[in-house]
Protein backbone atom coordinates (compact mmCIF):
# COMPACT_ATOMS: atom_id res chain seq x y z
CA UNK A 1 125.23 136.11 89.13
CA UNK A 2 127.44 133.01 89.03
CA UNK A 3 127.47 132.91 92.85
CA UNK A 4 123.67 133.04 92.92
CA UNK A 5 123.38 130.18 90.39
CA UNK A 6 125.96 128.17 92.36
CA UNK A 7 124.08 128.73 95.64
CA UNK A 8 120.78 127.79 94.01
CA UNK A 9 122.40 124.62 92.60
CA UNK A 10 123.66 123.60 96.04
CA UNK A 11 120.19 124.09 97.57
CA UNK A 12 118.54 122.12 94.73
CA UNK A 13 121.11 119.33 95.13
CA UNK A 14 120.43 119.18 98.89
CA UNK A 15 116.68 118.79 98.29
CA UNK A 16 117.24 116.16 95.60
CA UNK A 17 119.49 114.10 97.89
CA UNK A 18 117.00 114.47 100.76
CA UNK A 19 114.16 113.27 98.53
CA UNK A 20 116.18 110.25 97.40
CA UNK A 21 117.08 109.34 100.95
CA UNK A 22 113.43 109.51 102.04
CA UNK A 23 112.35 107.23 99.22
CA UNK A 24 115.01 104.68 100.23
CA UNK A 25 113.94 104.69 103.89
CA UNK A 26 110.70 102.79 103.33
CA UNK A 27 109.94 99.62 105.25
CA UNK A 28 107.55 97.37 103.28
CA UNK A 29 105.06 95.48 105.46
CA UNK A 30 102.51 92.75 104.72
CA UNK A 31 99.90 91.84 107.31
CA UNK A 32 98.45 88.32 107.17
CA UNK A 33 95.82 86.61 109.31
CA UNK A 34 95.41 83.02 110.51
CA UNK A 35 93.38 81.25 113.19
CA UNK A 36 93.31 78.20 115.41
CA UNK A 37 90.40 75.75 114.95
CA UNK A 38 87.28 76.59 116.98
CA UNK A 39 84.01 74.97 118.04
CA UNK A 40 81.80 77.31 115.99
CA UNK A 41 80.43 77.01 112.45
CA UNK A 42 81.86 80.43 111.51
CA UNK A 43 83.41 83.49 113.15
CA UNK A 44 83.03 86.36 110.66
CA UNK A 45 84.84 89.64 111.25
CA UNK A 46 84.08 92.78 109.25
CA UNK A 47 87.59 94.15 108.56
CA UNK A 48 87.60 97.81 107.43
CA UNK A 49 91.10 99.21 108.09
CA UNK A 50 94.57 98.24 109.27
CA UNK A 51 96.65 101.01 110.85
CA UNK A 52 100.26 100.70 112.01
CA UNK A 53 101.60 103.18 114.55
CA UNK A 54 105.28 103.95 115.02
CA UNK A 55 107.00 104.73 118.30
CA UNK A 56 106.90 108.41 117.30
CA UNK A 57 103.06 108.17 117.12
CA UNK A 58 103.08 108.33 113.32
CA UNK A 59 100.08 106.32 112.09
CA UNK A 60 99.99 104.76 108.62
CA UNK A 61 96.79 103.32 107.18
CA UNK A 62 97.76 100.35 105.04
CA UNK A 63 96.14 99.28 101.78
CA UNK A 64 93.60 96.82 103.16
CA UNK A 65 91.61 94.04 101.55
CA UNK A 66 88.44 95.12 103.36
CA UNK A 67 85.58 92.70 103.77
CA UNK A 68 84.05 89.93 105.84
CA UNK A 69 86.53 87.21 106.84
CA UNK A 70 85.55 83.89 108.39
CA UNK A 71 88.44 83.31 110.77
CA UNK A 72 87.82 79.57 110.65
CA UNK A 73 88.73 79.52 106.94
CA UNK A 74 92.30 80.31 107.98
CA UNK A 75 93.23 77.50 110.34
CA UNK A 76 95.59 74.53 110.18
CA UNK A 77 98.40 76.46 108.48
CA UNK A 78 96.19 78.51 106.12
CA UNK A 79 96.48 82.30 106.19
CA UNK A 80 95.43 85.26 104.06
CA UNK A 81 96.91 88.64 103.15
CA UNK A 82 94.78 91.41 104.66
CA UNK A 83 96.94 94.54 104.18
CA UNK A 84 100.12 95.88 102.60
CA UNK A 85 102.03 99.12 102.78
CA UNK A 86 105.31 100.89 103.27
CA UNK A 87 106.26 102.58 106.52
CA UNK A 88 108.60 105.53 106.91
CA UNK A 89 109.37 104.66 110.52
CA UNK A 90 111.58 101.79 111.62
CA UNK A 91 110.08 101.44 115.10
CA UNK A 92 106.57 99.93 115.18
CA UNK A 93 104.61 100.00 118.43
CA UNK A 94 101.06 99.01 117.51
CA UNK A 95 98.71 97.57 114.90
CA UNK A 96 95.04 98.54 114.97
CA UNK A 97 92.35 96.60 113.19
CA UNK A 98 89.24 98.69 112.58
CA UNK A 99 86.21 96.42 112.38
CA UNK A 100 82.83 97.31 110.93
CA UNK A 101 79.36 96.55 112.34
CA UNK A 102 78.76 93.38 110.29
CA UNK A 103 80.71 90.81 112.33
CA UNK A 104 78.75 87.63 113.05
CA UNK A 105 79.11 84.20 114.61
CA UNK A 106 77.37 81.07 113.37
CA UNK A 107 76.45 78.48 116.01
CA UNK A 108 74.59 75.29 115.08
CA UNK A 109 73.68 76.81 111.71
CA UNK A 110 72.21 80.01 113.21
CA UNK A 111 73.91 83.39 112.64
CA UNK A 112 74.14 85.89 115.53
CA UNK A 113 75.59 89.41 115.64
CA UNK A 114 79.10 89.47 117.07
CA UNK A 115 79.53 92.58 119.20
CA UNK A 116 82.89 94.35 118.79
CA UNK A 117 82.26 97.84 120.24
CA UNK A 118 85.80 99.09 120.82
CA UNK A 119 87.10 97.58 117.55
CA UNK A 120 84.53 99.60 115.59
CA UNK A 121 85.53 102.93 117.17
CA UNK A 122 89.20 103.08 118.11
CA UNK A 123 90.19 99.72 116.67
CA UNK A 124 91.37 96.42 118.03
CA UNK A 125 94.78 97.42 119.37
CA UNK A 126 97.65 94.93 119.19
CA UNK A 127 101.02 95.81 120.72
CA UNK A 128 103.95 94.98 118.44
CA UNK A 129 107.13 96.78 119.60
CA UNK A 130 109.34 95.79 116.66
CA UNK A 131 112.34 97.39 114.99
CA UNK A 132 112.45 97.14 111.21
CA UNK A 133 115.56 97.14 109.03
CA UNK A 134 115.80 98.78 105.62
CA UNK A 135 115.86 96.45 102.64
CA UNK A 136 113.71 93.75 104.28
CA UNK A 137 110.07 93.03 103.43
CA UNK A 138 108.31 92.25 106.71
CA UNK A 139 105.32 90.01 107.18
CA UNK A 140 103.29 90.30 110.36
CA UNK A 141 101.08 87.29 110.99
CA UNK A 142 98.07 87.89 113.25
CA UNK A 143 97.20 84.52 114.77
CA UNK A 144 93.65 84.67 116.17
CA UNK A 145 92.36 82.14 118.68
CA UNK A 146 88.63 82.20 117.95
CA UNK A 147 87.83 79.69 120.70
CA UNK A 148 89.31 81.98 123.36
CA UNK A 149 88.10 85.18 121.66
CA UNK A 150 84.35 84.59 121.87
CA UNK A 151 82.47 85.49 125.04
CA UNK A 152 78.89 84.26 125.45
CA UNK A 153 76.97 86.84 127.47
CA UNK A 154 73.61 85.05 127.61
CA UNK A 155 70.46 84.80 125.48
CA UNK A 156 72.52 83.99 122.36
CA UNK A 157 74.49 87.22 122.65
CA UNK A 158 78.17 87.02 121.69
CA UNK A 159 81.09 89.42 122.08
CA UNK A 160 84.48 89.35 120.41
CA UNK A 161 87.30 89.89 122.89
CA UNK A 162 90.14 88.92 120.57
CA UNK A 163 93.01 86.77 121.70
CA UNK A 164 95.68 87.34 119.05
CA UNK A 165 99.33 86.36 118.91
CA UNK A 166 101.63 88.39 116.68
CA UNK A 167 104.34 86.62 114.74
CA UNK A 168 106.85 88.72 112.85
CA UNK A 169 108.40 87.07 109.81
CA UNK A 170 111.20 88.95 108.03
């Protein structure tokens, strides 16, 4: 009986140590957004989700501040926090921004729909390729360039083909 209790104790101890190790191997991440000045009155994106994918294809949906963001509100050194979370992988390969159908652009006081077809389905995919270290809170700054990201297709039709730089700040 004592051998059985001892064996059970060893197994329980193994699981307890494994659980502690997993909780320590979290990599906190904050995702922020900024923009360069542009020649439009407003460039509004409908942000729904932020997903980070690890090199092992593990995808983590972060806690996102969903809503409509005017990119032009975040220029000249201004940025905003759009998502937070903790990853269990140390190798990050990609960030995806899932946009909703309510993105718009305002030109000369008139609002037009801003088409973002792929960003609404599979997400706007941004390649990161970063290695994270335990014990560090990471901030990833997504620096949009609204001027280069807007494509005028004719008859007041606009598409968002985002030009985004990624800056990693430990």
